[in-house]
Amino acid sequence: MARAARRLARQVARGRLAPAEIDAQRFAAALDTAGLPPVDLLIRTGGEQRLSNFLLWQSSAAELYFTPVLWPDFSPAHLLQALQAYAQRRGARPA
């Protein structure tokens, strides 16, 4: 997010952008992940229940799934569990 803010600040300093033109859409376009879809499901492994500044802007509307399983041990079966939990929250069934 800091890099995106600096990118926009440089544009303002060069006169290419007015501060009033900076909105959520322009900020999102300045992020490193511009053009990628928003995060729908964020899976946090290792038992931590925090985001640790990871994709804060991009995952603001994401469903969060916390698991005690450490990343090296996170298997396809664990992913399926996360997807099933997500589907239940969203009122849908996984494919």
N, C-alpha and C. Protein backbone atom coordinates (compact mmCIF):
# COMPACT_ATOMS: atom_id res chain seq x y z
N MET A 1 0.82 -1.18 0.00
CA MET A 1 0.00 0.00 0.00
C MET A 1 0.87 1.24 0.00
N ALA A 2 2.01 1.14 0.68
CA ALA A 2 2.91 2.30 0.71
C ALA A 2 3.45 2.60 -0.68
N ARG A 3 3.79 1.55 -1.44
CA ARG A 3 4.28 1.78 -2.82
C ARG A 3 3.21 2.44 -3.67
N ALA A 4 1.97 2.01 -3.51
CA ALA A 4 0.88 2.61 -4.28
C ALA A 4 0.72 4.08 -3.91
N ALA A 5 0.81 4.39 -2.63
CA ALA A 5 0.70 5.78 -2.19
C ALA A 5 1.84 6.62 -2.77
N ARG A 6 3.05 6.04 -2.77
CA ARG A 6 4.19 6.78 -3.35
C ARG A 6 4.02 6.99 -4.85
N ARG A 7 3.49 5.99 -5.54
CA ARG A 7 3.24 6.15 -6.99
C ARG A 7 2.29 7.31 -7.25
N LEU A 8 1.22 7.34 -6.48
CA LEU A 8 0.25 8.42 -6.65
C LEU A 8 0.84 9.76 -6.25
N ALA A 9 1.63 9.78 -5.19
CA ALA A 9 2.27 11.03 -4.74
C ALA A 9 3.21 11.56 -5.82
N ARG A 10 3.95 10.68 -6.50
CA ARG A 10 4.83 11.13 -7.58
C ARG A 10 4.03 11.75 -8.72
N GLN A 11 2.89 11.15 -9.03
CA GLN A 11 2.05 11.72 -10.09
C GLN A 11 1.53 13.10 -9.70
N VAL A 12 1.16 13.26 -8.44
CA VAL A 12 0.71 14.56 -7.96
C VAL A 12 1.86 15.56 -8.03
N ALA A 13 3.05 15.16 -7.58
CA ALA A 13 4.21 16.06 -7.57
C ALA A 13 4.58 16.50 -8.98
N ARG A 14 4.38 15.64 -9.97
CA ARG A 14 4.70 15.97 -11.36
C ARG A 14 3.57 16.73 -12.05
N GLY A 15 2.48 16.96 -11.33
CA GLY A 15 1.36 17.69 -11.91
C GLY A 15 0.48 16.85 -12.82
N ARG A 16 0.66 15.56 -12.82
CA ARG A 16 -0.13 14.67 -13.69
C ARG A 16 -1.44 14.24 -13.03
N LEU A 17 -1.57 14.51 -11.75
CA LEU A 17 -2.74 14.05 -11.00
C LEU A 17 -3.04 15.07 -9.91
N ALA A 18 -4.30 15.42 -9.75
CA ALA A 18 -4.71 16.31 -8.67
C ALA A 18 -5.06 15.47 -7.45
N PRO A 19 -4.73 15.92 -6.27
CA PRO A 19 -5.06 15.15 -5.06
C PRO A 19 -6.55 14.77 -4.99
N ALA A 20 -7.41 15.65 -5.45
CA ALA A 20 -8.85 15.37 -5.41
C ALA A 20 -9.25 14.21 -6.33
N GLU A 21 -8.38 13.86 -7.28
CA GLU A 21 -8.67 12.77 -8.20
C GLU A 21 -8.33 11.40 -7.61
N ILE A 22 -7.70 11.37 -6.45
CA ILE A 22 -7.34 10.10 -5.84
C ILE A 22 -8.55 9.57 -5.09
N ASP A 23 -9.04 8.43 -5.57
CA ASP A 23 -10.15 7.76 -4.93
C ASP A 23 -9.81 6.27 -4.78
N ALA A 24 -10.75 5.49 -4.29
CA ALA A 24 -10.48 4.06 -4.05
C ALA A 24 -10.11 3.34 -5.34
N GLN A 25 -10.77 3.67 -6.43
CA GLN A 25 -10.49 3.00 -7.70
C GLN A 25 -9.08 3.33 -8.19
N ARG A 26 -8.69 4.57 -8.10
CA ARG A 26 -7.35 4.97 -8.55
C ARG A 26 -6.29 4.36 -7.65
N PHE A 27 -6.57 4.31 -6.34
CA PHE A 27 -5.63 3.70 -5.41
C PHE A 27 -5.45 2.22 -5.73
N ALA A 28 -6.55 1.51 -5.95
CA ALA A 28 -6.48 0.08 -6.29
C ALA A 28 -5.68 -0.13 -7.57
N ALA A 29 -5.82 0.78 -8.53
CA ALA A 29 -5.09 0.66 -9.79
C ALA A 29 -3.60 0.89 -9.61
N ALA A 30 -3.20 1.55 -8.53
CA ALA A 30 -1.78 1.80 -8.28
C ALA A 30 -1.12 0.68 -7.48
N LEU A 31 -1.89 -0.25 -6.97
CA LEU A 31 -1.34 -1.36 -6.20
C LEU A 31 -0.58 -2.34 -7.10
N ASP A 32 0.33 -3.09 -6.53
CA ASP A 32 1.07 -4.10 -7.30
C ASP A 32 0.14 -5.17 -7.88
N THR A 33 -1.00 -5.36 -7.28
CA THR A 33 -1.94 -6.39 -7.71
C THR A 33 -3.01 -5.85 -8.65
N ALA A 34 -2.83 -4.66 -9.18
CA ALA A 34 -3.82 -4.07 -10.10
C ALA A 34 -4.11 -5.04 -11.24
N GLY A 35 -5.37 -5.17 -11.57
CA GLY A 35 -5.76 -6.06 -12.65
C GLY A 35 -6.11 -7.46 -12.20
N LEU A 36 -5.75 -7.81 -10.99
CA LEU A 36 -6.11 -9.13 -10.46
C LEU A 36 -7.47 -9.03 -9.77
N PRO A 37 -8.21 -10.14 -9.74
CA PRO A 37 -9.51 -10.09 -9.07
C PRO A 37 -9.33 -9.93 -7.56
N PRO A 38 -10.37 -9.44 -6.89
CA PRO A 38 -10.26 -9.30 -5.43
C PRO A 38 -10.16 -10.66 -4.76
N VAL A 39 -9.66 -10.68 -3.56
CA VAL A 39 -9.54 -11.92 -2.79
C VAL A 39 -10.92 -12.27 -2.24
N ASP A 40 -11.39 -13.48 -2.52
CA ASP A 40 -12.67 -13.94 -2.00
C ASP A 40 -12.49 -14.73 -0.71
N LEU A 41 -11.41 -15.50 -0.64
CA LEU A 41 -11.14 -16.35 0.52
C LEU A 41 -9.67 -16.22 0.87
N LEU A 42 -9.40 -15.81 2.10
CA LEU A 42 -8.03 -15.72 2.58
C LEU A 42 -7.83 -16.80 3.63
N ILE A 43 -6.90 -17.70 3.38
CA ILE A 43 -6.63 -18.81 4.29
C ILE A 43 -5.37 -18.48 5.08
N ARG A 44 -5.48 -18.48 6.39
CA ARG A 44 -4.33 -18.20 7.26
C ARG A 44 -3.98 -19.49 7.98
N THR A 45 -2.79 -19.99 7.74
CA THR A 45 -2.33 -21.22 8.37
C THR A 45 -1.54 -20.93 9.63
N GLY A 46 -1.20 -21.98 10.35
CA GLY A 46 -0.31 -21.87 11.50
C GLY A 46 -0.97 -21.42 12.79
N GLY A 47 -2.29 -21.34 12.82
CA GLY A 47 -2.98 -20.98 14.05
C GLY A 47 -3.06 -19.50 14.35
N GLU A 48 -2.42 -18.68 13.54
CA GLU A 48 -2.49 -17.23 13.76
C GLU A 48 -3.86 -16.72 13.32
N GLN A 49 -4.41 -15.77 14.05
CA GLN A 49 -5.69 -15.19 13.68
C GLN A 49 -5.52 -13.69 13.46
N ARG A 50 -4.64 -13.39 12.54
CA ARG A 50 -4.37 -12.01 12.15
C ARG A 50 -3.92 -12.03 10.69
N LEU A 51 -3.94 -10.87 10.05
CA LEU A 51 -3.57 -10.81 8.64
C LEU A 51 -2.11 -10.46 8.42
N SER A 52 -1.47 -9.89 9.41
CA SER A 52 -0.04 -9.54 9.30
C SER A 52 0.24 -8.61 8.13
N ASN A 53 -0.65 -7.68 7.87
CA ASN A 53 -0.50 -6.71 6.77
C ASN A 53 -0.47 -7.34 5.39
N PHE A 54 -0.97 -8.54 5.25
CA PHE A 54 -0.94 -9.24 3.98
C PHE A 54 -2.19 -8.91 3.16
N LEU A 55 -2.02 -8.27 2.03
CA LEU A 55 -3.10 -7.93 1.11
C LEU A 55 -4.28 -7.25 1.82
N LEU A 56 -3.98 -6.30 2.67
CA LEU A 56 -5.03 -5.65 3.46
C LEU A 56 -6.11 -5.02 2.58
N TRP A 57 -5.71 -4.27 1.59
CA TRP A 57 -6.67 -3.59 0.72
C TRP A 57 -7.45 -4.62 -0.11
N GLN A 58 -6.71 -5.55 -0.70
CA GLN A 58 -7.30 -6.50 -1.63
C GLN A 58 -8.24 -7.50 -0.95
N SER A 59 -8.03 -7.76 0.33
CA SER A 59 -8.85 -8.76 1.01
C SER A 59 -9.86 -8.14 1.98
N SER A 60 -10.13 -6.86 1.82
CA SER A 60 -11.02 -6.19 2.77
C SER A 60 -12.42 -6.80 2.81
N ALA A 61 -12.88 -7.40 1.75
CA ALA A 61 -14.20 -8.02 1.73
C ALA A 61 -14.12 -9.55 1.69
N ALA A 62 -12.94 -10.10 1.89
CA ALA A 62 -12.75 -11.54 1.80
C ALA A 62 -13.30 -12.27 3.02
N GLU A 63 -13.68 -13.50 2.80
CA GLU A 63 -13.98 -14.41 3.90
C GLU A 63 -12.64 -14.89 4.44
N LEU A 64 -12.53 -15.01 5.76
CA LEU A 64 -11.29 -15.43 6.38
C LEU A 64 -11.44 -16.85 6.92
N TYR A 65 -10.41 -17.66 6.70
CA TYR A 65 -10.40 -19.04 7.19
C TYR A 65 -9.09 -19.24 7.94
N PHE A 66 -9.20 -19.58 9.21
CA PHE A 66 -8.02 -19.80 10.04
C PHE A 66 -7.90 -21.28 10.36
N THR A 67 -6.70 -21.79 10.23
CA THR A 67 -6.45 -23.20 10.51
C THR A 67 -5.16 -23.33 11.32
N PRO A 68 -5.12 -24.28 12.25
CA PRO A 68 -3.90 -24.50 13.02
C PRO A 68 -2.81 -25.21 12.22
N VAL A 69 -3.16 -25.75 11.07
CA VAL A 69 -2.21 -26.50 10.25
C VAL A 69 -1.13 -25.56 9.74
N LEU A 70 0.12 -25.96 9.88
CA LEU A 70 1.24 -25.16 9.36
C LEU A 70 1.28 -25.27 7.84
N TRP A 71 1.78 -24.22 7.18
CA TRP A 71 1.79 -24.17 5.72
C TRP A 71 2.45 -25.40 5.09
N PRO A 72 3.60 -25.85 5.56
CA PRO A 72 4.20 -27.01 4.86
C PRO A 72 3.32 -28.26 4.93
N ASP A 73 2.44 -28.33 5.92
CA ASP A 73 1.59 -29.50 6.09
C ASP A 73 0.19 -29.30 5.48
N PHE A 74 -0.07 -28.13 4.93
CA PHE A 74 -1.39 -27.83 4.38
C PHE A 74 -1.56 -28.61 3.07
N SER A 75 -2.48 -29.55 3.09
CA SER A 75 -2.64 -30.49 1.98
C SER A 75 -3.88 -30.16 1.14
N PRO A 76 -4.05 -30.85 0.03
CA PRO A 76 -5.27 -30.67 -0.75
C PRO A 76 -6.53 -30.96 0.09
N ALA A 77 -6.45 -31.89 1.02
CA ALA A 77 -7.60 -32.18 1.89
C ALA A 77 -7.93 -30.97 2.77
N HIS A 78 -6.88 -30.29 3.27
CA HIS A 78 -7.11 -29.09 4.08
C HIS A 78 -7.73 -27.97 3.23
N LEU A 79 -7.27 -27.86 1.99
CA LEU A 79 -7.85 -26.86 1.09
C LEU A 79 -9.33 -27.15 0.86
N LEU A 80 -9.66 -28.41 0.67
CA LEU A 80 -11.06 -28.78 0.48
C LEU A 80 -11.89 -28.39 1.70
N GLN A 81 -11.36 -28.60 2.90
CA GLN A 81 -12.07 -28.20 4.12
C GLN A 81 -12.32 -26.70 4.12
N ALA A 82 -11.31 -25.94 3.74
CA ALA A 82 -11.45 -24.48 3.70
C ALA A 82 -12.50 -24.06 2.68
N LEU A 83 -12.49 -24.70 1.52
CA LEU A 83 -13.46 -24.38 0.48
C LEU A 83 -14.88 -24.76 0.90
N GLN A 84 -15.02 -25.87 1.61
CA GLN A 84 -16.34 -26.28 2.10
C GLN A 84 -16.85 -25.28 3.13
N ALA A 85 -15.98 -24.84 4.03
CA ALA A 85 -16.39 -23.85 5.02
C ALA A 85 -16.80 -22.55 4.33
N TYR A 86 -16.04 -22.15 3.32
CA TYR A 86 -16.36 -20.94 2.54
C TYR A 86 -17.72 -21.09 1.86
N ALA A 87 -17.94 -22.24 1.25
CA ALA A 87 -19.20 -22.47 0.54
C ALA A 87 -20.39 -22.42 1.50
N GLN A 88 -20.21 -22.94 2.69
CA GLN A 88 -21.30 -22.91 3.67
C GLN A 88 -21.62 -21.46 4.07
N ARG A 89 -20.60 -20.65 4.23
CA ARG A 89 -20.82 -19.24 4.58
C ARG A 89 -21.52 -18.50 3.46
N ARG A 90 -21.18 -18.84 2.24
CA ARG A 90 -21.71 -18.13 1.08
C ARG A 90 -23.05 -18.71 0.62
N GLY A 91 -23.50 -19.79 1.29
CA GLY A 91 -24.79 -20.39 0.91
C GLY A 91 -24.72 -21.18 -0.37
N ALA A 92 -23.54 -21.66 -0.70
CA ALA A 92 -23.34 -22.42 -1.93
C ALA A 92 -22.65 -23.73 -1.60
N ARG A 93 -22.56 -24.57 -2.60
CA ARG A 93 -21.84 -25.83 -2.43
C ARG A 93 -20.64 -25.82 -3.35
N PRO A 94 -19.49 -26.38 -2.87
CA PRO A 94 -18.31 -26.42 -3.75
C PRO A 94 -18.55 -27.35 -4.94
N ALA A 95 -17.90 -27.03 -6.03
CA ALA A 95 -18.05 -27.85 -7.24
C ALA A 95 -17.32 -29.17 -7.10
